[in-house]
Amino acid sequence: MDIIEKAKKIKLVIFDIDGVMTDGSLFFDNSGEEYKAFNSLDGHGLRMLQECGVKVAVITGRKSELVKHRMNDLGVTLLYQGYRDKTPAFNALLKEVNLSKDQITYVGDDVVDLPIMSQLGFAIAVQNAHPFVKQHAHWITDRNGGHGAVRDVCEFILEAKGLLNDKLHSYLSGTSN
């Protein structure tokens, strides 16, 4: 099955945070408060994906209030934080969404993402992912994590489903959600 056919089936996209939604940099102030930078183009891509009926989830190894805040702002309610071993979170998510594994894709950048990626019929790596992860991905984004890779994923899936053109043109007519 070709990559477009795999992408057409997707009803849920799971994203990692560090290295996917961010560039992987971790910033801390003197009191240990953590800061992250998110790409606004990525954020709007997530909104478009959800507006077109594709669910979005996050599974991340770190736990952060700012991630919770950002995902809340984007309407992402399927948020699993603090899972160094991401498999238990993935199994809980599978039960919650009741989808088959060929209807789900995971976007990762590091070897800790492989246990989930390897279970799915469509696995995505960001451009700057670890080489071993890229070897096991079905598709690799054009852009790096934190620099538009999430938008690449969102638009690729919407294009495969035949929804991207209408969604983009809805902004010209003012009919976008």
Protein backbone atom coordinates (compact mmCIF):
# COMPACT_ATOMS: atom_id res chain seq x y z
CA MET A 1 0.00 0.00 0.00
CA ASP A 2 1.41 3.39 -0.89
CA ILE A 3 1.91 6.22 1.54
CA ILE A 4 -1.09 8.25 0.34
CA GLU A 5 -3.40 5.29 0.94
CA LYS A 6 -1.97 4.90 4.45
CA ALA A 7 -2.50 8.60 5.18
CA LYS A 8 -6.10 8.52 3.86
CA LYS A 9 -7.05 6.09 6.63
CA ILE A 10 -5.74 8.23 9.48
CA LYS A 11 -8.31 9.31 12.08
CA LEU A 12 -5.85 10.04 14.91
CA VAL A 13 -2.39 11.61 14.89
CA ILE A 14 -0.25 11.17 18.00
CA PHE A 15 2.60 13.62 18.49
CA ASP A 16 5.62 13.63 20.74
CA ILE A 17 6.51 17.06 22.16
CA ASP A 18 10.28 17.51 22.58
CA GLY A 19 11.92 17.31 19.17
CA VAL A 20 8.60 17.19 17.29
CA MET A 21 6.45 20.09 18.46
CA THR A 22 9.59 21.83 19.70
CA ASP A 23 13.15 21.79 18.39
CA GLY A 24 14.15 19.61 21.33
CA SER A 25 15.85 22.40 23.27
CA LEU A 26 15.08 22.53 26.98
CA PHE A 27 15.30 25.93 28.66
CA PHE A 28 15.31 26.32 32.46
CA ASP A 29 15.51 29.44 34.58
CA ASN A 30 17.50 29.60 37.85
CA SER A 31 14.56 28.25 39.83
CA GLY A 32 14.16 25.25 37.51
CA GLU A 33 11.13 26.59 35.65
CA GLU A 34 10.99 25.07 32.17
CA TYR A 35 10.37 26.96 28.93
CA LYS A 36 9.63 25.67 25.43
CA ALA A 37 9.07 27.35 22.09
CA PHE A 38 6.21 26.16 19.89
CA ASN A 39 5.77 27.03 16.22
CA SER A 40 2.56 28.98 15.48
CA LEU A 41 2.28 27.42 12.00
CA ASP A 42 2.30 24.00 13.64
CA GLY A 43 -0.42 25.12 16.02
CA HIS A 44 -2.68 26.24 13.24
CA GLY A 45 -2.04 22.99 11.39
CA LEU A 46 -3.28 21.12 14.45
CA ARG A 47 -6.41 23.26 14.50
CA MET A 48 -7.06 22.60 10.80
CA LEU A 49 -6.57 18.86 11.28
CA GLN A 50 -9.10 18.79 14.13
CA GLU A 51 -11.57 20.99 12.25
CA CYS A 52 -11.46 18.42 9.45
CA GLY A 53 -12.35 15.60 11.84
CA VAL A 54 -8.92 14.12 12.58
CA LYS A 55 -8.22 13.66 16.28
CA VAL A 56 -4.94 14.80 17.81
CA ALA A 57 -3.19 13.27 20.82
CA VAL A 58 0.09 13.86 22.60
CA ILE A 59 2.25 11.32 24.38
CA THR A 60 5.36 12.77 25.96
CA GLY A 61 8.00 11.59 28.37
CA ARG A 62 8.24 14.86 30.28
CA LYS A 63 5.52 16.48 32.37
CA SER A 64 4.96 20.20 32.00
CA GLU A 65 2.22 22.66 32.85
CA LEU A 66 3.14 24.73 29.81
CA VAL A 67 2.51 21.73 27.53
CA LYS A 68 -0.86 21.28 29.22
CA HIS A 69 -1.59 24.97 28.66
CA ARG A 70 -0.51 24.89 24.98
CA MET A 71 -2.53 21.74 24.21
CA ASN A 72 -5.57 23.20 25.98
CA ASP A 73 -5.20 26.34 23.86
CA LEU A 74 -5.19 24.15 20.73
CA GLY A 75 -8.15 22.03 21.83
CA VAL A 76 -6.06 18.87 22.27
CA THR A 77 -7.67 16.89 25.10
CA LEU A 78 -5.92 13.55 24.55
CA LEU A 79 -2.79 14.45 26.51
CA TYR A 80 -0.53 11.89 28.17
CA GLN A 81 2.45 13.38 30.00
CA GLY A 82 5.23 11.91 32.11
CA TYR A 83 5.55 8.58 30.28
CA ARG A 84 9.21 7.72 29.77
CA ASP A 85 7.89 4.37 28.56
CA LYS A 86 5.16 5.54 26.21
CA THR A 87 3.56 2.13 25.66
CA PRO A 88 1.18 2.25 28.68
CA ALA A 89 -0.09 5.66 27.56
CA PHE A 90 -0.53 4.36 24.01
CA ASN A 91 -2.50 1.34 25.27
CA ALA A 92 -4.76 3.59 27.36
CA LEU A 93 -5.27 5.88 24.36
CA LEU A 94 -6.18 2.92 22.13
CA LYS A 95 -8.95 1.97 24.57
CA GLU A 96 -10.19 5.56 24.75
CA VAL A 97 -10.43 6.21 20.99
CA ASN A 98 -11.49 2.74 19.84
CA LEU A 99 -9.61 2.92 16.52
CA SER A 100 -7.59 0.28 14.70
CA LYS A 101 -3.83 0.72 14.47
CA ASP A 102 -4.02 1.44 10.73
CA GLN A 103 -6.20 4.48 11.53
CA ILE A 104 -3.51 5.97 13.77
CA THR A 105 -0.15 7.54 13.05
CA TYR A 106 2.59 8.58 15.46
CA VAL A 107 5.06 11.39 14.84
CA GLY A 108 8.38 10.93 16.61
CA ASP A 109 12.03 11.89 16.59
CA ASP A 110 13.93 9.59 18.94
CA VAL A 111 14.36 5.91 19.70
CA VAL A 112 11.94 6.08 22.67
CA ASP A 113 9.18 6.63 20.08
CA LEU A 114 9.91 3.39 18.19
CA PRO A 115 7.87 1.03 20.40
CA ILE A 116 4.72 2.88 19.30
CA MET A 117 5.82 3.73 15.77
CA SER A 118 6.63 0.07 15.06
CA GLN A 119 3.08 -1.01 15.93
CA LEU A 120 1.37 1.26 13.42
CA GLY A 121 0.79 0.96 9.71
CA PHE A 122 1.91 4.56 9.22
CA ALA A 123 4.79 5.98 11.25
CA ILE A 124 6.22 9.46 10.71
CA ALA A 125 9.61 10.89 11.66
CA VAL A 126 10.58 14.54 11.61
CA GLN A 127 13.44 15.60 9.33
CA ASN A 128 15.96 15.92 12.17
CA ALA A 129 14.98 12.65 13.85
CA HIS A 130 17.60 10.15 14.92
CA PRO A 131 18.78 8.20 11.84
CA PHE A 132 17.57 4.89 13.30
CA VAL A 133 14.08 6.34 13.76
CA LYS A 134 14.07 7.62 10.17
CA GLN A 135 14.96 4.11 8.98
CA HIS A 136 11.77 2.81 10.60
CA ALA A 137 9.42 5.57 9.47
CA HIS A 138 7.06 5.28 6.52
CA TRP A 139 7.32 9.01 5.84
CA ILE A 140 9.72 11.80 6.89
CA THR A 141 8.69 15.45 7.11
CA ASP A 142 10.45 18.09 5.01
CA ARG A 143 11.00 20.33 8.03
CA ASN A 144 12.63 19.82 11.42
CA GLY A 145 10.80 19.39 14.69
CA GLY A 146 9.74 22.74 16.11
CA HIS A 147 10.21 24.38 12.71
CA GLY A 148 7.11 23.35 10.77
CA ALA A 149 7.30 19.54 10.88
CA VAL A 150 3.91 19.31 12.59
CA ARG A 151 2.37 21.50 9.87
CA ASP A 152 3.97 19.20 7.26
CA VAL A 153 2.19 16.24 8.88
CA CYS A 154 -1.16 18.01 9.16
CA GLU A 155 -1.16 19.18 5.55
CA PHE A 156 0.09 15.83 4.22
CA ILE A 157 -2.77 13.98 5.90
CA LEU A 158 -5.36 16.55 4.83
CA GLU A 159 -4.03 16.43 1.26
CA ALA A 160 -4.20 12.61 1.21
CA LYS A 161 -7.81 12.81 2.38
CA GLY A 162 -8.62 15.37 -0.33
CA LEU A 163 -9.45 18.05 2.27
CA LEU A 164 -6.50 20.44 2.16
CA ASN A 165 -7.43 22.51 -0.89
CA ASP A 166 -10.95 23.25 0.37
CA LYS A 167 -9.64 23.99 3.86
CA LEU A 168 -7.05 26.46 2.60
CA HIS A 169 -9.52 28.14 0.25
CA SER A 170 -12.00 28.54 3.11
CA TYR A 171 -9.68 31.24 4.45
CA LEU A 172 -10.15 33.27 1.27
CA SER A 173 -13.89 33.22 1.61
CA GLY A 174 -13.94 33.69 5.38
CA THR A 175 -15.78 30.41 5.94
CA SER A 176 -13.04 28.65 7.91
CA ASN A 177 -13.96 27.53 11.43
